[in-house]
Amino acid sequence: MKKINVVFATDNYYIQHLATTLTSMLVNTQYADQIIVNIIDGGIDDKNKRYLSRLTNKYQSDIKFLKIDHNVFKNAVVNGHITVASYYRIIIATLFETDVNKAIYLDSDLIIRHDIYEFWSTDIGDYAVGAIKINEY
């Protein structure tokens, strides 16, 4: 089985939310040891990186913190709930080596109640992007 690349984007303000999302994802999969948690680092301090690393290591998952060039977003429109971090997901494809041909992007404030592998194994054919409807309950 190929590694399951799951991508999140966060900063120090959303660490508690991300920790909850990660825990729910890792508890509810039988493939935790196949998951690579990729976090687009919007400004995470070392203490929080260690915390997230301990959390993922507890489930034998790998974790990577992806640095980005913030100058790419210097002209991005920011207002209200739209922050620079909101734009990170549009450059995900540029953050991986060429041998990675699939990744799942998840918001950092979700509760995942089913095995992420079910989503991962969904064939989206030649489409560049797939999406699912999120149930509120």
N, C-alpha and C. Protein backbone atom coordinates (compact mmCIF):
# COMPACT_ATOMS: atom_id res chain seq x y z
N MET A 1 0.84 -1.18 0.00
CA MET A 1 0.00 0.00 0.00
C MET A 1 0.88 1.25 0.00
N LYS A 2 0.51 2.22 -0.85
CA LYS A 2 1.21 3.50 -0.83
C LYS A 2 0.84 4.27 0.42
N LYS A 3 1.74 5.11 0.85
CA LYS A 3 1.47 5.95 2.01
C LYS A 3 0.29 6.88 1.73
N ILE A 4 -0.47 7.15 2.75
CA ILE A 4 -1.64 8.02 2.67
C ILE A 4 -1.20 9.41 3.11
N ASN A 5 -1.09 10.34 2.16
CA ASN A 5 -0.70 11.71 2.47
C ASN A 5 -1.93 12.54 2.79
N VAL A 6 -1.98 13.03 4.02
CA VAL A 6 -3.08 13.88 4.46
C VAL A 6 -2.47 15.25 4.77
N VAL A 7 -3.10 16.29 4.23
CA VAL A 7 -2.55 17.64 4.35
C VAL A 7 -3.49 18.52 5.16
N PHE A 8 -2.89 19.29 6.06
CA PHE A 8 -3.59 20.29 6.85
C PHE A 8 -2.83 21.60 6.73
N ALA A 9 -3.48 22.69 6.99
CA ALA A 9 -2.83 24.00 7.05
C ALA A 9 -3.24 24.65 8.36
N THR A 10 -2.26 25.12 9.11
CA THR A 10 -2.60 25.74 10.40
C THR A 10 -1.50 26.66 10.88
N ASP A 11 -1.82 27.35 11.95
CA ASP A 11 -0.86 28.17 12.67
C ASP A 11 -1.05 27.89 14.16
N ASN A 12 -0.38 28.64 15.01
CA ASN A 12 -0.48 28.40 16.45
C ASN A 12 -1.90 28.54 16.99
N TYR A 13 -2.73 29.33 16.35
CA TYR A 13 -4.07 29.59 16.86
C TYR A 13 -5.02 28.40 16.68
N TYR A 14 -4.69 27.46 15.81
CA TYR A 14 -5.57 26.32 15.55
C TYR A 14 -5.00 24.99 16.00
N ILE A 15 -3.94 25.00 16.79
CA ILE A 15 -3.30 23.75 17.21
C ILE A 15 -4.27 22.85 17.97
N GLN A 16 -5.06 23.40 18.88
CA GLN A 16 -5.99 22.58 19.64
C GLN A 16 -7.03 21.93 18.74
N HIS A 17 -7.47 22.65 17.71
CA HIS A 17 -8.43 22.09 16.76
C HIS A 17 -7.78 20.99 15.93
N LEU A 18 -6.58 21.26 15.45
CA LEU A 18 -5.86 20.27 14.65
C LEU A 18 -5.59 19.01 15.46
N ALA A 19 -5.21 19.16 16.72
CA ALA A 19 -4.95 17.99 17.57
C ALA A 19 -6.19 17.11 17.69
N THR A 20 -7.35 17.73 17.81
CA THR A 20 -8.60 16.98 17.88
C THR A 20 -8.87 16.27 16.56
N THR A 21 -8.67 16.96 15.45
CA THR A 21 -8.87 16.35 14.13
C THR A 21 -7.92 15.18 13.92
N LEU A 22 -6.65 15.38 14.25
CA LEU A 22 -5.67 14.30 14.09
C LEU A 22 -6.04 13.09 14.94
N THR A 23 -6.40 13.34 16.18
CA THR A 23 -6.76 12.23 17.07
C THR A 23 -7.95 11.47 16.51
N SER A 24 -8.98 12.17 16.08
CA SER A 24 -10.16 11.48 15.55
C SER A 24 -9.81 10.70 14.28
N MET A 25 -8.93 11.21 13.45
CA MET A 25 -8.52 10.51 12.24
C MET A 25 -7.72 9.26 12.58
N LEU A 26 -6.77 9.39 13.48
CA LEU A 26 -5.87 8.28 13.79
C LEU A 26 -6.53 7.19 14.62
N VAL A 27 -7.45 7.56 15.48
CA VAL A 27 -8.18 6.58 16.29
C VAL A 27 -9.11 5.75 15.40
N ASN A 28 -9.64 6.36 14.36
CA ASN A 28 -10.65 5.71 13.54
C ASN A 28 -10.12 5.06 12.26
N THR A 29 -8.83 4.80 12.19
CA THR A 29 -8.29 4.11 11.02
C THR A 29 -7.51 2.88 11.46
N GLN A 30 -7.52 1.89 10.60
CA GLN A 30 -6.68 0.72 10.86
C GLN A 30 -5.33 0.86 10.15
N TYR A 31 -5.12 2.01 9.49
CA TYR A 31 -3.89 2.23 8.71
C TYR A 31 -3.09 3.42 9.23
N ALA A 32 -3.15 3.70 10.51
CA ALA A 32 -2.44 4.86 11.07
C ALA A 32 -0.95 4.82 10.73
N ASP A 33 -0.36 3.64 10.69
CA ASP A 33 1.06 3.53 10.40
C ASP A 33 1.39 3.81 8.93
N GLN A 34 0.39 3.96 8.10
CA GLN A 34 0.58 4.27 6.68
C GLN A 34 0.32 5.76 6.37
N ILE A 35 -0.08 6.50 7.38
CA ILE A 35 -0.44 7.91 7.18
C ILE A 35 0.76 8.81 7.38
N ILE A 36 0.91 9.74 6.44
CA ILE A 36 1.87 10.83 6.59
C ILE A 36 1.05 12.10 6.78
N VAL A 37 1.17 12.70 7.94
CA VAL A 37 0.48 13.95 8.24
C VAL A 37 1.39 15.08 7.76
N ASN A 38 0.93 15.82 6.77
CA ASN A 38 1.67 16.95 6.21
C ASN A 38 0.99 18.23 6.66
N ILE A 39 1.72 19.05 7.39
CA ILE A 39 1.12 20.28 7.92
C ILE A 39 1.79 21.48 7.27
N ILE A 40 0.99 22.24 6.54
CA ILE A 40 1.49 23.49 5.98
C ILE A 40 1.60 24.46 7.14
N ASP A 41 2.82 24.84 7.43
CA ASP A 41 3.17 25.60 8.62
C ASP A 41 2.94 27.09 8.41
N GLY A 42 1.86 27.58 8.97
CA GLY A 42 1.53 29.00 8.88
C GLY A 42 2.06 29.79 10.06
N GLY A 43 3.04 29.23 10.77
CA GLY A 43 3.61 29.88 11.94
C GLY A 43 3.33 29.07 13.18
N ILE A 44 3.93 27.91 13.26
CA ILE A 44 3.77 27.01 14.41
C ILE A 44 5.06 27.03 15.21
N ASP A 45 4.97 27.31 16.50
CA ASP A 45 6.18 27.36 17.31
C ASP A 45 6.68 25.94 17.61
N ASP A 46 7.92 25.85 18.06
CA ASP A 46 8.57 24.56 18.29
C ASP A 46 7.84 23.71 19.33
N LYS A 47 7.32 24.34 20.36
CA LYS A 47 6.59 23.60 21.40
C LYS A 47 5.39 22.88 20.79
N ASN A 48 4.63 23.57 19.96
CA ASN A 48 3.46 22.95 19.33
C ASN A 48 3.86 21.90 18.30
N LYS A 49 4.96 22.10 17.62
CA LYS A 49 5.45 21.07 16.68
C LYS A 49 5.81 19.79 17.43
N ARG A 50 6.46 19.94 18.57
CA ARG A 50 6.79 18.76 19.38
C ARG A 50 5.52 18.06 19.86
N TYR A 51 4.53 18.84 20.27
CA TYR A 51 3.26 18.28 20.73
C TYR A 51 2.60 17.46 19.61
N LEU A 52 2.49 18.04 18.42
CA LEU A 52 1.87 17.34 17.30
C LEU A 52 2.69 16.12 16.88
N SER A 53 4.00 16.22 16.98
CA SER A 53 4.86 15.06 16.65
C SER A 53 4.64 13.92 17.64
N ARG A 54 4.55 14.24 18.93
CA ARG A 54 4.27 13.19 19.93
C ARG A 54 2.91 12.54 19.67
N LEU A 55 1.94 13.36 19.33
CA LEU A 55 0.60 12.85 19.06
C LEU A 55 0.60 11.87 17.89
N THR A 56 1.20 12.24 16.79
CA THR A 56 1.21 11.36 15.62
C THR A 56 2.09 10.13 15.85
N ASN A 57 3.18 10.31 16.54
CA ASN A 57 4.06 9.17 16.83
C ASN A 57 3.37 8.14 17.70
N LYS A 58 2.48 8.58 18.57
CA LYS A 58 1.71 7.66 19.42
C LYS A 58 0.95 6.63 18.58
N TYR A 59 0.56 7.02 17.37
CA TYR A 59 -0.18 6.14 16.46
C TYR A 59 0.69 5.59 15.33
N GLN A 60 2.01 5.73 15.47
CA GLN A 60 2.98 5.27 14.48
C GLN A 60 2.82 5.95 13.12
N SER A 61 2.27 7.15 13.11
CA SER A 61 2.15 7.92 11.87
C SER A 61 3.35 8.84 11.75
N ASP A 62 3.64 9.21 10.52
CA ASP A 62 4.72 10.17 10.26
C ASP A 62 4.12 11.57 10.20
N ILE A 63 4.96 12.57 10.46
CA ILE A 63 4.51 13.96 10.39
C ILE A 63 5.60 14.78 9.72
N LYS A 64 5.17 15.70 8.86
CA LYS A 64 6.08 16.63 8.20
C LYS A 64 5.48 18.03 8.30
N PHE A 65 6.35 18.98 8.56
CA PHE A 65 5.93 20.38 8.58
C PHE A 65 6.45 21.02 7.30
N LEU A 66 5.55 21.52 6.49
CA LEU A 66 5.89 22.07 5.19
C LEU A 66 5.96 23.59 5.26
N LYS A 67 7.13 24.11 4.98
CA LYS A 67 7.32 25.56 4.95
C LYS A 67 6.95 26.07 3.57
N ILE A 68 6.39 27.25 3.54
CA ILE A 68 6.03 27.84 2.26
C ILE A 68 6.61 29.23 2.16
N ASP A 69 6.68 29.72 0.94
CA ASP A 69 7.14 31.08 0.68
C ASP A 69 5.93 32.01 0.80
N HIS A 70 5.88 32.76 1.87
CA HIS A 70 4.72 33.63 2.12
C HIS A 70 4.62 34.77 1.11
N ASN A 71 5.71 35.05 0.38
CA ASN A 71 5.66 36.10 -0.63
C ASN A 71 4.70 35.76 -1.77
N VAL A 72 4.45 34.47 -1.96
CA VAL A 72 3.50 34.04 -2.99
C VAL A 72 2.13 34.66 -2.74
N PHE A 73 1.82 34.93 -1.49
CA PHE A 73 0.49 35.42 -1.12
C PHE A 73 0.49 36.90 -0.74
N LYS A 74 1.52 37.63 -1.10
CA LYS A 74 1.60 39.02 -0.66
C LYS A 74 0.47 39.90 -1.18
N ASN A 75 -0.16 39.54 -2.29
CA ASN A 75 -1.28 40.32 -2.82
C ASN A 75 -2.64 39.67 -2.57
N ALA A 76 -2.65 38.66 -1.73
CA ALA A 76 -3.91 37.95 -1.44
C ALA A 76 -4.86 38.86 -0.67
N VAL A 77 -6.12 38.75 -0.99
CA VAL A 77 -7.15 39.53 -0.29
C VAL A 77 -7.42 38.85 1.05
N VAL A 78 -7.26 39.60 2.12
CA VAL A 78 -7.46 39.09 3.48
C VAL A 78 -8.51 39.97 4.16
N ASN A 79 -9.57 39.31 4.67
CA ASN A 79 -10.58 40.05 5.43
C ASN A 79 -11.45 39.07 6.19
N GLY A 80 -11.93 39.49 7.33
CA GLY A 80 -12.82 38.63 8.13
C GLY A 80 -12.20 37.28 8.42
N HIS A 81 -12.91 36.23 8.04
CA HIS A 81 -12.43 34.87 8.30
C HIS A 81 -11.48 34.37 7.20
N ILE A 82 -11.26 35.17 6.16
CA ILE A 82 -10.32 34.80 5.10
C ILE A 82 -8.94 35.32 5.49
N THR A 83 -8.06 34.39 5.84
CA THR A 83 -6.69 34.75 6.21
C THR A 83 -5.75 34.26 5.11
N VAL A 84 -4.50 34.60 5.21
CA VAL A 84 -3.51 34.11 4.25
C VAL A 84 -3.50 32.58 4.26
N ALA A 85 -3.67 31.99 5.44
CA ALA A 85 -3.68 30.52 5.55
C ALA A 85 -4.81 29.90 4.73
N SER A 86 -5.86 30.65 4.48
CA SER A 86 -6.97 30.14 3.65
C SER A 86 -6.52 29.82 2.24
N TYR A 87 -5.45 30.45 1.79
CA TYR A 87 -4.96 30.26 0.43
C TYR A 87 -3.95 29.12 0.30
N TYR A 88 -3.47 28.60 1.41
CA TYR A 88 -2.41 27.59 1.36
C TYR A 88 -2.79 26.38 0.53
N ARG A 89 -4.02 25.98 0.60
CA ARG A 89 -4.45 24.74 -0.08
C ARG A 89 -4.28 24.80 -1.59
N ILE A 90 -4.24 26.00 -2.18
CA ILE A 90 -4.13 26.07 -3.63
C ILE A 90 -2.72 25.75 -4.14
N ILE A 91 -1.74 25.69 -3.24
CA ILE A 91 -0.38 25.36 -3.68
C ILE A 91 0.06 23.97 -3.22
N ILE A 92 -0.86 23.18 -2.75
CA ILE A 92 -0.50 21.86 -2.22
C ILE A 92 0.30 21.04 -3.22
N ALA A 93 -0.12 21.02 -4.46
CA ALA A 93 0.56 20.20 -5.47
C ALA A 93 2.03 20.57 -5.62
N THR A 94 2.39 21.80 -5.33
CA THR A 94 3.79 22.23 -5.48
C THR A 94 4.65 21.84 -4.28
N LEU A 95 4.05 21.35 -3.22
CA LEU A 95 4.78 21.05 -1.99
C LEU A 95 5.32 19.63 -1.92
N PHE A 96 4.96 18.79 -2.88
CA PHE A 96 5.36 17.39 -2.85
C PHE A 96 6.33 17.04 -3.96
N GLU A 97 7.11 15.99 -3.70
CA GLU A 97 7.98 15.43 -4.73
C GLU A 97 7.11 14.83 -5.82
N THR A 98 7.69 14.57 -6.97
CA THR A 98 6.93 14.06 -8.10
C THR A 98 6.39 12.65 -7.89
N ASP A 99 6.93 11.92 -6.92
CA ASP A 99 6.45 10.56 -6.69
C ASP A 99 5.13 10.52 -5.90
N VAL A 100 4.69 11.66 -5.39
CA VAL A 100 3.40 11.73 -4.69
C VAL A 100 2.36 12.21 -5.70
N ASN A 101 1.39 11.34 -6.00
CA ASN A 101 0.40 11.72 -7.00
C ASN A 101 -1.02 11.86 -6.42
N LYS A 102 -1.11 11.76 -5.09
CA LYS A 102 -2.42 11.89 -4.47
C LYS A 102 -2.25 12.35 -3.03
N ALA A 103 -3.10 13.25 -2.62
CA ALA A 103 -3.12 13.71 -1.22
C ALA A 103 -4.54 14.11 -0.87
N ILE A 104 -4.85 14.01 0.41
CA ILE A 104 -6.15 14.44 0.91
C ILE A 104 -5.92 15.72 1.72
N TYR A 105 -6.64 16.77 1.37
CA TYR A 105 -6.61 17.99 2.18
C TYR A 105 -7.82 17.98 3.09
N LEU A 106 -7.58 18.24 4.37
CA LEU A 106 -8.66 18.35 5.34
C LEU A 106 -8.52 19.65 6.12
N ASP A 107 -9.64 20.26 6.43
CA ASP A 107 -9.61 21.41 7.32
C ASP A 107 -9.14 20.96 8.69
N SER A 108 -8.65 21.88 9.46
CA SER A 108 -8.06 21.55 10.77
C SER A 108 -9.06 21.49 11.91
N ASP A 109 -10.33 21.63 11.61
CA ASP A 109 -11.33 21.66 12.68
C ASP A 109 -12.46 20.66 12.42
N LEU A 110 -12.09 19.45 12.04
CA LEU A 110 -13.06 18.40 11.76
C LEU A 110 -13.02 17.31 12.81
N ILE A 111 -14.09 16.57 12.92
CA ILE A 111 -14.10 15.32 13.65
C ILE A 111 -14.28 14.23 12.59
N ILE A 112 -13.37 13.31 12.53
CA ILE A 112 -13.40 12.24 11.53
C ILE A 112 -13.90 10.98 12.20
N ARG A 113 -15.04 10.50 11.75
CA ARG A 113 -15.71 9.39 12.42
C ARG A 113 -15.55 8.05 11.71
N HIS A 114 -14.94 8.06 10.53
CA HIS A 114 -14.77 6.82 9.77
C HIS A 114 -13.31 6.70 9.33
N ASP A 115 -12.96 5.54 8.86
CA ASP A 115 -11.58 5.29 8.43
C ASP A 115 -11.23 6.16 7.22
N ILE A 116 -10.21 6.96 7.34
CA ILE A 116 -9.77 7.84 6.25
C ILE A 116 -9.38 7.04 5.02
N TYR A 117 -9.05 5.78 5.22
CA TYR A 117 -8.70 4.91 4.09
C TYR A 117 -9.86 4.77 3.11
N GLU A 118 -11.09 4.79 3.60
CA GLU A 118 -12.24 4.71 2.71
C GLU A 118 -12.25 5.88 1.73
N PHE A 119 -11.95 7.04 2.21
CA PHE A 119 -11.86 8.24 1.37
C PHE A 119 -10.65 8.13 0.45
N TRP A 120 -9.54 7.72 1.00
CA TRP A 120 -8.29 7.60 0.24
C TRP A 120 -8.44 6.63 -0.94
N SER A 121 -9.14 5.55 -0.73
CA SER A 121 -9.24 4.51 -1.76
C SER A 121 -10.30 4.80 -2.81
N THR A 122 -11.00 5.92 -2.69
CA THR A 122 -12.00 6.30 -3.68
C THR A 122 -11.31 6.69 -4.98
N ASP A 123 -11.71 6.06 -6.07
CA ASP A 123 -11.13 6.36 -7.38
C ASP A 123 -11.80 7.62 -7.94
N ILE A 124 -11.00 8.64 -8.19
CA ILE A 124 -11.53 9.86 -8.78
C ILE A 124 -11.14 9.98 -10.26
N GLY A 125 -10.66 8.87 -10.81
CA GLY A 125 -10.32 8.85 -12.23
C GLY A 125 -9.25 9.86 -12.58
N ASP A 126 -9.46 10.60 -13.65
CA ASP A 126 -8.48 11.58 -14.11
C ASP A 126 -8.75 12.99 -13.57
N TYR A 127 -9.71 13.10 -12.67
CA TYR A 127 -10.01 14.42 -12.11
C TYR A 127 -8.88 14.88 -11.20
N ALA A 128 -8.61 16.16 -11.24
CA ALA A 128 -7.55 16.71 -10.41
C ALA A 128 -7.99 16.88 -8.96
N VAL A 129 -9.29 17.05 -8.74
CA VAL A 129 -9.81 17.30 -7.40
C VAL A 129 -11.09 16.50 -7.20
N GLY A 130 -11.23 15.95 -6.02
CA GLY A 130 -12.47 15.30 -5.61
C GLY A 130 -12.92 15.93 -4.32
N ALA A 131 -14.20 15.88 -4.03
CA ALA A 131 -14.72 16.46 -2.79
C ALA A 131 -15.87 15.62 -2.29
N ILE A 132 -16.14 15.76 -1.01
CA ILE A 132 -17.29 15.06 -0.44
C ILE A 132 -18.16 16.07 0.31
N LYS A 133 -19.41 15.74 0.45
CA LYS A 133 -20.32 16.55 1.25
C LYS A 133 -20.10 16.18 2.71
N ILE A 134 -19.92 17.17 3.53
CA ILE A 134 -19.71 16.95 4.95
C ILE A 134 -21.05 16.89 5.66
N ASN A 135 -21.26 15.82 6.40
CA ASN A 135 -22.48 15.70 7.21
C ASN A 135 -22.31 16.53 8.47
N GLU A 136 -23.34 17.22 8.84
CA GLU A 136 -23.25 18.05 10.04
C GLU A 136 -23.42 17.25 11.31
N TYR A 137 -23.95 16.05 11.22
CA TYR A 137 -24.17 15.25 12.42
C TYR A 137 -23.61 13.87 12.23
